[in-house]
Amino acid sequence: MDAVIAAAEVYLADPSTRSHQIGLYTLDLAAVVAFNDRAARLVADPQVDRSAKRRAVTTALLIALADQRPLYQ
């Protein structure tokens, strides 16, 4: 989970980040956030505080990682 939160911080520091390694997976952070309507909306809103933006980006990243990983191996 720490790696996902760190990736969210990387995105918030530079929203143009395209390639970021999280464990075995490489994600395009900018595309993940753009694809998640709620995260994209919150990140773009200047009235939303940083912690709410971080939570939204973290959630979007977790969803993207769940889509990439098989549930059963």
C-alpha atoms as a PDB file:
ATOM      1  CA  MET A   1       0.000   0.000   0.000  1.00  0.00           C
ATOM      2  CA  ASP A   2       2.918   2.352   0.688  1.00  0.00           C
ATOM      3  CA  ALA A   3       4.000   2.073  -2.956  1.00  0.00           C
ATOM      4  CA  VAL A   4       0.524   3.077  -4.138  1.00  0.00           C
ATOM      5  CA  ILE A   5       0.418   6.090  -1.824  1.00  0.00           C
ATOM      6  CA  ALA A   6       3.914   7.054  -2.991  1.00  0.00           C
ATOM      7  CA  ALA A   7       2.744   6.798  -6.604  1.00  0.00           C
ATOM      8  CA  ALA A   8      -0.191   9.080  -5.791  1.00  0.00           C
ATOM      9  CA  GLU A   9       2.261  11.611  -4.375  1.00  0.00           C
ATOM     10  CA  VAL A  10       4.387  11.332  -7.524  1.00  0.00           C
ATOM     11  CA  TYR A  11       1.301  12.050  -9.630  1.00  0.00           C
ATOM     12  CA  LEU A  12       0.249  15.018  -7.491  1.00  0.00           C
ATOM     13  CA  ALA A  13       3.766  16.472  -7.767  1.00  0.00           C
ATOM     14  CA  ASP A  14       3.800  15.987 -11.554  1.00  0.00           C
ATOM     15  CA  PRO A  15       0.425  15.160 -13.166  1.00  0.00           C
ATOM     16  CA  SER A  16       2.118  14.473 -16.492  1.00  0.00           C
ATOM     17  CA  THR A  17       3.868  11.352 -15.098  1.00  0.00           C
ATOM     18  CA  ARG A  18       3.407   8.612 -17.676  1.00  0.00           C
ATOM     19  CA  SER A  19       5.356   5.630 -16.405  1.00  0.00           C
ATOM     20  CA  HIS A  20       5.644   4.601 -12.780  1.00  0.00           C
ATOM     21  CA  GLN A  21       6.548   1.216 -11.327  1.00  0.00           C
ATOM     22  CA  ILE A  22       4.371  -0.201  -8.533  1.00  0.00           C
ATOM     23  CA  GLY A  23       5.599  -3.645  -7.582  1.00  0.00           C
ATOM     24  CA  LEU A  24       5.515  -5.812 -10.705  1.00  0.00           C
ATOM     25  CA  TYR A  25       3.347  -3.385 -12.636  1.00  0.00           C
ATOM     26  CA  THR A  26       4.082  -0.201 -14.535  1.00  0.00           C
ATOM     27  CA  LEU A  27       1.224   2.277 -14.725  1.00  0.00           C
ATOM     28  CA  ASP A  28       0.698   5.416 -16.760  1.00  0.00           C
ATOM     29  CA  LEU A  29      -0.351   7.588 -13.814  1.00  0.00           C
ATOM     30  CA  ALA A  30      -1.734  10.397 -15.976  1.00  0.00           C
ATOM     31  CA  ALA A  31      -3.890   7.950 -17.968  1.00  0.00           C
ATOM     32  CA  VAL A  32      -5.137   6.167 -14.847  1.00  0.00           C
ATOM     33  CA  VAL A  33      -6.344   9.413 -13.299  1.00  0.00           C
ATOM     34  CA  ALA A  34      -7.818  10.675 -16.579  1.00  0.00           C
ATOM     35  CA  PHE A  35      -9.733   7.402 -16.991  1.00  0.00           C
ATOM     36  CA  ASN A  36     -11.249   7.656 -13.490  1.00  0.00           C
ATOM     37  CA  ASP A  37     -13.899  10.394 -13.729  1.00  0.00           C
ATOM     38  CA  ARG A  38     -14.090  11.083 -10.001  1.00  0.00           C
ATOM     39  CA  ALA A  39     -10.320  11.303  -9.527  1.00  0.00           C
ATOM     40  CA  ALA A  40      -9.934  13.518 -12.594  1.00  0.00           C
ATOM     41  CA  ARG A  41     -12.679  15.843 -11.367  1.00  0.00           C
ATOM     42  CA  LEU A  42     -11.280  16.120  -7.831  1.00  0.00           C
ATOM     43  CA  VAL A  43      -7.693  16.664  -8.955  1.00  0.00           C
ATOM     44  CA  ALA A  44      -8.786  19.456 -11.308  1.00  0.00           C
ATOM     45  CA  ASP A  45     -10.794  21.286  -8.629  1.00  0.00           C
ATOM     46  CA  PRO A  46      -8.627  23.932  -6.902  1.00  0.00           C
ATOM     47  CA  GLN A  47     -11.002  23.988  -3.906  1.00  0.00           C
ATOM     48  CA  VAL A  48     -10.361  20.327  -3.062  1.00  0.00           C
ATOM     49  CA  ASP A  49      -7.614  19.849  -0.472  1.00  0.00           C
ATOM     50  CA  ARG A  50      -4.496  17.794  -1.170  1.00  0.00           C
ATOM     51  CA  SER A  51      -5.465  14.905   1.106  1.00  0.00           C
ATOM     52  CA  ALA A  52      -8.761  14.405  -0.744  1.00  0.00           C
ATOM     53  CA  LYS A  53      -6.913  14.521  -4.054  1.00  0.00           C
ATOM     54  CA  ARG A  54      -4.395  11.968  -2.751  1.00  0.00           C
ATOM     55  CA  ARG A  55      -7.213   9.635  -1.656  1.00  0.00           C
ATOM     56  CA  ALA A  56      -8.911   9.927  -5.058  1.00  0.00           C
ATOM     57  CA  VAL A  57      -5.682   9.221  -6.941  1.00  0.00           C
ATOM     58  CA  THR A  58      -4.830   6.319  -4.614  1.00  0.00           C
ATOM     59  CA  THR A  59      -8.272   4.803  -5.221  1.00  0.00           C
ATOM     60  CA  ALA A  60      -7.887   5.178  -8.992  1.00  0.00           C
ATOM     61  CA  LEU A  61      -4.485   3.480  -8.813  1.00  0.00           C
ATOM     62  CA  LEU A  62      -5.840   0.594  -6.730  1.00  0.00           C
ATOM     63  CA  ILE A  63      -8.635   0.063  -9.245  1.00  0.00           C
ATOM     64  CA  ALA A  64      -6.130   0.065 -12.114  1.00  0.00           C
ATOM     65  CA  LEU A  65      -3.911  -2.432 -10.319  1.00  0.00           C
ATOM     66  CA  ALA A  66      -6.883  -4.702  -9.578  1.00  0.00           C
ATOM     67  CA  ASP A  67      -7.753  -4.653 -13.287  1.00  0.00           C
ATOM     68  CA  GLN A  68      -4.230  -5.808 -14.157  1.00  0.00           C
ATOM     69  CA  ARG A  69      -3.832  -8.568 -11.583  1.00  0.00           C
ATOM     70  CA  PRO A  70      -5.562 -11.922 -11.890  1.00  0.00           C
ATOM     71  CA  LEU A  71      -7.741 -12.727  -8.896  1.00  0.00           C
ATOM     72  CA  TYR A  72      -6.618 -16.340  -8.830  1.00  0.00           C
ATOM     73  CA  GLN A  73      -3.220 -17.662  -9.762  1.00  0.00           C
END
